[in-house]
Amino acid sequence: MAVEGTIHFLARDPLYKSEKPYSLRFTPESISQTNLKPVKRTVRVVDLREESAAKKLDFESCGFGVVSMKSALAYDDFFKKDMVKSVYYLEIGQMLKTLFKASHVYILDHVVC
C-alpha cells in the first residue's frame, strides 16, 4: 500500500557550500534565527513491511532493515514518554543486541508526533 504526501526538504542552495544549514531555538540579536531554505515535494510513501517481504531489505544490503517485533506496550502507551523509556527502550535495546550481537545499546532519543 502506498500514499502520497508532502515533505519539506532542504533546498539545494549555493549558500550551503560556505555556510552550514542551521536553525536556532532562540532569537539571536546579531544573526538570522535560521538560514534554512525549505522546498516542498510530493513523495510516494510505501509501507516497507510489505516491500520487505518481496525484496531483500536488510542492514547488510541497504544499511537499514525491517524487523518485526512484539512489545508489551499497548498502542496508547506509545504516547506516554515514561512508559516508552521504561519499557520500550529495554525491548528495543534487547532486540538490537540480539540482531547485531552487541554487548551494549544506547537509545539516544525518540520523537512522538
N, C-alpha and C. Protein backbone atom coordinates (compact mmCIF):
# COMPACT_ATOMS: atom_id res chain seq x y z
N MET A 1 0.85 -1.18 0.00
CA MET A 1 0.00 0.00 0.00
C MET A 1 0.89 1.24 0.00
N ALA A 2 0.50 2.23 -0.75
CA ALA A 2 1.27 3.47 -0.82
C ALA A 2 0.33 4.66 -0.76
N VAL A 3 0.83 5.75 -0.21
CA VAL A 3 0.09 7.01 -0.17
C VAL A 3 1.03 8.11 -0.63
N GLU A 4 0.47 9.22 -1.06
CA GLU A 4 1.29 10.37 -1.41
C GLU A 4 1.18 11.39 -0.30
N GLY A 5 2.29 12.06 -0.05
CA GLY A 5 2.31 13.08 0.98
C GLY A 5 3.32 14.16 0.62
N THR A 6 3.25 15.25 1.34
CA THR A 6 4.17 16.36 1.10
C THR A 6 5.22 16.38 2.20
N ILE A 7 6.48 16.48 1.78
CA ILE A 7 7.60 16.53 2.72
C ILE A 7 8.44 17.75 2.39
N HIS A 8 8.93 18.40 3.41
CA HIS A 8 9.84 19.54 3.22
C HIS A 8 11.28 19.03 3.23
N PHE A 9 12.03 19.44 2.22
CA PHE A 9 13.44 19.12 2.12
C PHE A 9 14.23 20.42 2.17
N LEU A 10 15.51 20.31 2.43
CA LEU A 10 16.39 21.46 2.38
C LEU A 10 16.71 21.75 0.92
N ALA A 11 16.49 22.97 0.49
CA ALA A 11 16.75 23.35 -0.90
C ALA A 11 18.24 23.25 -1.20
N ARG A 12 18.56 22.93 -2.43
CA ARG A 12 19.96 22.97 -2.87
C ARG A 12 20.28 24.44 -3.14
N ASP A 13 21.13 24.99 -2.32
CA ASP A 13 21.43 26.42 -2.42
C ASP A 13 22.94 26.62 -2.32
N PRO A 14 23.50 27.47 -3.16
CA PRO A 14 24.94 27.73 -3.10
C PRO A 14 25.42 28.20 -1.72
N LEU A 15 24.53 28.81 -0.94
CA LEU A 15 24.88 29.27 0.40
C LEU A 15 25.48 28.15 1.24
N TYR A 16 24.93 26.93 1.08
CA TYR A 16 25.34 25.81 1.92
C TYR A 16 26.73 25.27 1.58
N LYS A 17 27.36 25.79 0.51
CA LYS A 17 28.74 25.41 0.22
C LYS A 17 29.71 26.14 1.14
N SER A 18 29.28 27.29 1.65
CA SER A 18 30.15 28.07 2.52
C SER A 18 29.61 28.22 3.95
N GLU A 19 28.35 27.84 4.15
CA GLU A 19 27.72 28.00 5.47
C GLU A 19 26.84 26.78 5.74
N LYS A 20 27.03 26.18 6.91
CA LYS A 20 26.21 25.03 7.27
C LYS A 20 24.78 25.48 7.52
N PRO A 21 23.80 24.65 7.13
CA PRO A 21 22.40 24.97 7.46
C PRO A 21 22.22 24.98 8.99
N TYR A 22 21.45 25.93 9.48
CA TYR A 22 21.21 25.99 10.92
C TYR A 22 19.83 26.56 11.21
N SER A 23 19.33 26.22 12.40
CA SER A 23 18.09 26.78 12.92
C SER A 23 18.25 26.87 14.43
N LEU A 24 18.08 28.05 14.98
CA LEU A 24 18.26 28.27 16.41
C LEU A 24 16.92 28.25 17.13
N ARG A 25 16.92 27.79 18.34
CA ARG A 25 15.69 27.74 19.13
C ARG A 25 15.48 28.99 19.96
N PHE A 26 16.28 29.99 19.72
CA PHE A 26 16.15 31.28 20.40
C PHE A 26 16.31 32.37 19.35
N THR A 27 15.93 33.57 19.67
CA THR A 27 16.05 34.69 18.74
C THR A 27 17.34 35.45 19.04
N PRO A 28 18.35 35.29 18.18
CA PRO A 28 19.61 35.98 18.42
C PRO A 28 19.51 37.46 18.01
N GLU A 29 20.41 38.26 18.53
CA GLU A 29 20.39 39.69 18.23
C GLU A 29 21.15 40.04 16.94
N SER A 30 22.21 39.31 16.64
CA SER A 30 23.09 39.75 15.56
C SER A 30 23.00 38.94 14.26
N ILE A 31 22.36 37.78 14.30
CA ILE A 31 22.24 36.97 13.08
C ILE A 31 20.81 36.49 12.91
N SER A 32 20.52 35.97 11.75
CA SER A 32 19.19 35.42 11.49
C SER A 32 18.96 34.17 12.34
N GLN A 33 17.73 33.92 12.70
CA GLN A 33 17.41 32.75 13.52
C GLN A 33 17.63 31.46 12.73
N THR A 34 17.53 31.52 11.41
CA THR A 34 17.74 30.34 10.58
C THR A 34 18.24 30.75 9.20
N ASN A 35 18.92 29.84 8.57
CA ASN A 35 19.29 30.05 7.17
C ASN A 35 18.71 28.93 6.30
N LEU A 36 17.77 28.19 6.87
CA LEU A 36 17.15 27.08 6.14
C LEU A 36 16.25 27.60 5.04
N LYS A 37 16.35 26.95 3.90
CA LYS A 37 15.50 27.28 2.76
C LYS A 37 14.80 25.99 2.34
N PRO A 38 13.59 25.78 2.87
CA PRO A 38 12.89 24.53 2.58
C PRO A 38 12.18 24.56 1.22
N VAL A 39 12.03 23.38 0.65
CA VAL A 39 11.21 23.20 -0.56
C VAL A 39 10.26 22.04 -0.29
N LYS A 40 9.03 22.19 -0.77
CA LYS A 40 8.04 21.12 -0.60
C LYS A 40 8.08 20.20 -1.80
N ARG A 41 8.02 18.91 -1.54
CA ARG A 41 7.97 17.91 -2.60
C ARG A 41 6.90 16.89 -2.26
N THR A 42 6.20 16.46 -3.28
CA THR A 42 5.25 15.37 -3.10
C THR A 42 6.01 14.07 -3.29
N VAL A 43 5.86 13.18 -2.33
CA VAL A 43 6.55 11.90 -2.38
C VAL A 43 5.55 10.76 -2.21
N ARG A 44 5.92 9.63 -2.72
CA ARG A 44 5.12 8.41 -2.57
C ARG A 44 5.69 7.66 -1.37
N VAL A 45 4.86 7.37 -0.39
CA VAL A 45 5.27 6.68 0.82
C VAL A 45 4.74 5.26 0.77
N VAL A 46 5.66 4.30 0.87
CA VAL A 46 5.32 2.89 0.75
C VAL A 46 5.50 2.22 2.10
N ASP A 47 4.61 1.31 2.43
CA ASP A 47 4.71 0.53 3.66
C ASP A 47 5.84 -0.49 3.48
N LEU A 48 6.97 -0.24 4.13
CA LEU A 48 8.13 -1.12 3.97
C LEU A 48 7.89 -2.52 4.51
N ARG A 49 6.94 -2.67 5.39
CA ARG A 49 6.68 -4.01 5.90
C ARG A 49 6.23 -4.92 4.77
N GLU A 50 5.44 -4.39 3.84
CA GLU A 50 5.01 -5.17 2.69
C GLU A 50 6.15 -5.33 1.69
N GLU A 51 6.90 -4.26 1.46
CA GLU A 51 8.01 -4.29 0.50
C GLU A 51 9.10 -5.25 0.93
N SER A 52 9.38 -5.32 2.23
CA SER A 52 10.50 -6.14 2.70
C SER A 52 10.25 -7.62 2.49
N ALA A 53 9.00 -8.03 2.41
CA ALA A 53 8.69 -9.43 2.16
C ALA A 53 9.02 -9.80 0.71
N ALA A 54 8.82 -8.86 -0.20
CA ALA A 54 9.05 -9.11 -1.62
C ALA A 54 10.51 -8.87 -2.03
N LYS A 55 11.18 -7.96 -1.36
CA LYS A 55 12.56 -7.61 -1.69
C LYS A 55 13.45 -7.85 -0.48
N LYS A 56 14.72 -7.93 -0.72
CA LYS A 56 15.64 -8.10 0.40
C LYS A 56 16.02 -6.73 0.95
N LEU A 57 15.32 -6.28 1.95
CA LEU A 57 15.62 -5.01 2.62
C LEU A 57 16.20 -5.34 3.99
N ASP A 58 17.52 -5.47 4.04
CA ASP A 58 18.15 -5.75 5.31
C ASP A 58 19.37 -4.86 5.49
N PHE A 59 19.91 -4.87 6.69
CA PHE A 59 21.00 -3.98 7.04
C PHE A 59 22.23 -4.19 6.15
N GLU A 60 22.53 -5.44 5.86
CA GLU A 60 23.72 -5.76 5.07
C GLU A 60 23.64 -5.20 3.65
N SER A 61 22.46 -5.24 3.03
CA SER A 61 22.36 -4.79 1.64
C SER A 61 21.91 -3.33 1.50
N CYS A 62 21.19 -2.80 2.49
CA CYS A 62 20.62 -1.45 2.37
C CYS A 62 21.13 -0.44 3.39
N GLY A 63 21.72 -0.92 4.47
CA GLY A 63 22.11 0.00 5.54
C GLY A 63 20.99 0.24 6.53
N PHE A 64 19.85 -0.39 6.31
CA PHE A 64 18.73 -0.36 7.24
C PHE A 64 17.97 -1.67 7.07
N GLY A 65 17.07 -1.94 7.96
CA GLY A 65 16.30 -3.17 7.86
C GLY A 65 14.92 -3.01 8.41
N VAL A 66 14.08 -3.96 8.11
CA VAL A 66 12.71 -4.01 8.62
C VAL A 66 12.65 -5.21 9.55
N VAL A 67 12.32 -4.95 10.80
CA VAL A 67 12.30 -6.00 11.81
C VAL A 67 10.92 -6.07 12.44
N SER A 68 10.39 -7.25 12.54
CA SER A 68 9.11 -7.44 13.21
C SER A 68 9.39 -7.71 14.69
N MET A 69 8.68 -6.99 15.56
CA MET A 69 8.94 -7.12 16.99
C MET A 69 7.66 -6.91 17.79
N LYS A 70 7.42 -7.74 18.74
CA LYS A 70 6.28 -7.58 19.64
C LYS A 70 6.71 -6.70 20.82
N SER A 71 5.74 -5.94 21.35
CA SER A 71 6.02 -5.10 22.51
C SER A 71 4.96 -5.33 23.58
N ALA A 72 5.36 -5.11 24.82
CA ALA A 72 4.42 -5.20 25.93
C ALA A 72 3.51 -3.97 25.99
N LEU A 73 3.89 -2.90 25.27
CA LEU A 73 3.10 -1.68 25.29
C LEU A 73 1.88 -1.78 24.39
N ALA A 74 0.79 -1.21 24.86
CA ALA A 74 -0.41 -1.06 24.04
C ALA A 74 -0.24 0.20 23.18
N TYR A 75 -1.06 0.33 22.15
CA TYR A 75 -0.94 1.47 21.22
C TYR A 75 -0.89 2.80 21.97
N ASP A 76 -1.81 3.05 22.88
CA ASP A 76 -1.86 4.32 23.60
C ASP A 76 -0.65 4.56 24.50
N ASP A 77 0.01 3.49 24.92
CA ASP A 77 1.19 3.63 25.77
C ASP A 77 2.35 4.32 25.06
N PHE A 78 2.39 4.25 23.74
CA PHE A 78 3.49 4.85 22.99
C PHE A 78 3.46 6.38 23.03
N PHE A 79 2.37 6.96 23.53
CA PHE A 79 2.27 8.41 23.69
C PHE A 79 2.67 8.85 25.10
N LYS A 80 3.07 7.90 25.94
CA LYS A 80 3.48 8.17 27.32
C LYS A 80 4.99 8.02 27.41
N LYS A 81 5.67 9.15 27.48
CA LYS A 81 7.13 9.17 27.44
C LYS A 81 7.76 8.25 28.49
N ASP A 82 7.22 8.27 29.71
CA ASP A 82 7.80 7.45 30.78
C ASP A 82 7.67 5.96 30.48
N MET A 83 6.56 5.55 29.88
CA MET A 83 6.38 4.13 29.53
C MET A 83 7.30 3.73 28.37
N VAL A 84 7.45 4.63 27.41
CA VAL A 84 8.34 4.33 26.29
C VAL A 84 9.76 4.14 26.81
N LYS A 85 10.19 5.04 27.69
CA LYS A 85 11.56 4.94 28.22
C LYS A 85 11.75 3.73 29.12
N SER A 86 10.78 3.42 29.96
CA SER A 86 10.97 2.34 30.93
C SER A 86 10.72 0.94 30.35
N VAL A 87 9.88 0.84 29.33
CA VAL A 87 9.56 -0.48 28.78
C VAL A 87 10.11 -0.65 27.36
N TYR A 88 9.75 0.24 26.47
CA TYR A 88 10.09 0.06 25.06
C TYR A 88 11.59 0.20 24.80
N TYR A 89 12.25 1.13 25.49
CA TYR A 89 13.70 1.27 25.32
C TYR A 89 14.39 -0.06 25.63
N LEU A 90 13.95 -0.72 26.69
CA LEU A 90 14.55 -2.02 27.06
C LEU A 90 14.28 -3.07 25.99
N GLU A 91 13.04 -3.08 25.48
CA GLU A 91 12.69 -4.04 24.43
C GLU A 91 13.51 -3.80 23.16
N ILE A 92 13.60 -2.54 22.75
CA ILE A 92 14.37 -2.19 21.55
C ILE A 92 15.84 -2.53 21.76
N GLY A 93 16.36 -2.17 22.91
CA GLY A 93 17.75 -2.46 23.22
C GLY A 93 18.07 -3.93 23.14
N GLN A 94 17.20 -4.76 23.71
CA GLN A 94 17.42 -6.20 23.68
C GLN A 94 17.34 -6.74 22.25
N MET A 95 16.38 -6.25 21.47
CA MET A 95 16.26 -6.68 20.08
C MET A 95 17.50 -6.31 19.28
N LEU A 96 18.01 -5.08 19.47
CA LEU A 96 19.21 -4.63 18.75
C LEU A 96 20.45 -5.41 19.18
N LYS A 97 20.56 -5.70 20.47
CA LYS A 97 21.69 -6.51 20.95
C LYS A 97 21.69 -7.88 20.28
N THR A 98 20.52 -8.49 20.20
CA THR A 98 20.40 -9.80 19.57
C THR A 98 20.70 -9.71 18.08
N LEU A 99 20.09 -8.75 17.41
CA LEU A 99 20.24 -8.60 15.96
C LEU A 99 21.69 -8.35 15.55
N PHE A 100 22.37 -7.46 16.27
CA PHE A 100 23.74 -7.08 15.90
C PHE A 100 24.81 -7.74 16.77
N LYS A 101 24.39 -8.65 17.64
CA LYS A 101 25.33 -9.33 18.54
C LYS A 101 26.17 -8.30 19.31
N ALA A 102 25.48 -7.29 19.80
CA ALA A 102 26.13 -6.19 20.52
C ALA A 102 26.14 -6.45 22.02
N SER A 103 27.13 -5.90 22.69
CA SER A 103 27.19 -6.04 24.14
C SER A 103 26.45 -4.91 24.84
N HIS A 104 26.28 -3.77 24.13
CA HIS A 104 25.62 -2.61 24.72
C HIS A 104 24.89 -1.82 23.64
N VAL A 105 23.73 -1.30 23.99
CA VAL A 105 22.95 -0.43 23.10
C VAL A 105 22.54 0.79 23.90
N TYR A 106 22.72 1.97 23.31
CA TYR A 106 22.30 3.20 23.96
C TYR A 106 21.25 3.87 23.08
N ILE A 107 20.03 4.04 23.61
CA ILE A 107 18.96 4.72 22.90
C ILE A 107 19.14 6.22 23.16
N LEU A 108 19.47 6.95 22.14
CA LEU A 108 19.77 8.37 22.31
C LEU A 108 18.52 9.20 22.52
N ASP A 109 17.49 8.98 21.71
CA ASP A 109 16.31 9.84 21.75
C ASP A 109 15.19 9.19 20.98
N HIS A 110 14.00 9.70 21.16
CA HIS A 110 12.86 9.29 20.36
C HIS A 110 11.91 10.48 20.21
N VAL A 111 11.07 10.44 19.20
CA VAL A 111 10.13 11.51 18.96
C VAL A 111 8.74 10.90 18.80
N VAL A 112 7.77 11.47 19.49
CA VAL A 112 6.38 11.07 19.32
C VAL A 112 5.64 12.27 18.75
N CYS A 113 5.06 12.08 17.58
CA CYS A 113 4.34 13.18 16.92
C CYS A 113 2.90 13.19 17.32
